């Protein structure tokens, strides 16, 4: 049975964080290597820690910044970690409350003028290490305009349950793993292979699933069939395992 977001996260803080990400084009903070959490031992919930929210690269911009819809032809993107959150009605309520707070009555040019001295100071320190980074107020207005366009559509899809239906349809499709589709697009990030000798390979499996190895080859075809399994389902660890093969690894 799959848990709701409110069973895992401090849902108010998580909703506030995601709403801030949406309203500031800060999707870079949702890249897997930037995600940080604090475990609150009193509430027994995870609290998000905002980290590396750089918003100056179009790579992390989306035409629709508030609707993390899952598209069958798409592969893993930062917004997909939001997909399950939005199926929780408690999270949904808090999310829209904070999104409204962060998007109403904002004038970024006035904001920048008010804090210009502080902005110049922190920006100068930032550029000592990260030269391309800069505080771009123009893009924030663009994000707000997009939110104005897409928010009514997104709310309507939730009210009609179209969003949740779409999510569950795609979640159960073959090759759909916890928000990520098209495994070949991300396999090299979550399953590392190292040649140990002519007949031995070492595997590091970061995925919490059992992985079947069915063959050796290249991007186009399987040249030699094999049958091995990396057993790592819900282990909570990075599984490191070696396999010996009769084939010469130098041929691949």
Foldseek 3Di string as FASTA:
>chain_A
DDDALVVAAVLLQVLLVLLVCLLQLQLVCLDPVNWDWDQDPVVRHTHTDRGRSQRDDCVSDDLQSPDLFDDPVDFDDSSLLCLRNCVDPVSVVSNVVNNCVSQPPDDVVVVCVVCVVVQVVVQVVVCVPVVVGHDDPVVSVVSSVSCVVCVVVRVVCVVVVVSVVSSVVSCPDPQRDSRGHDCVVCVCVAWPWDDPAQFKIKIWGNDQAKDWQFADDDPPDGPGGDTDIDHRHPVPDTDIDMDGHPGGPVVD
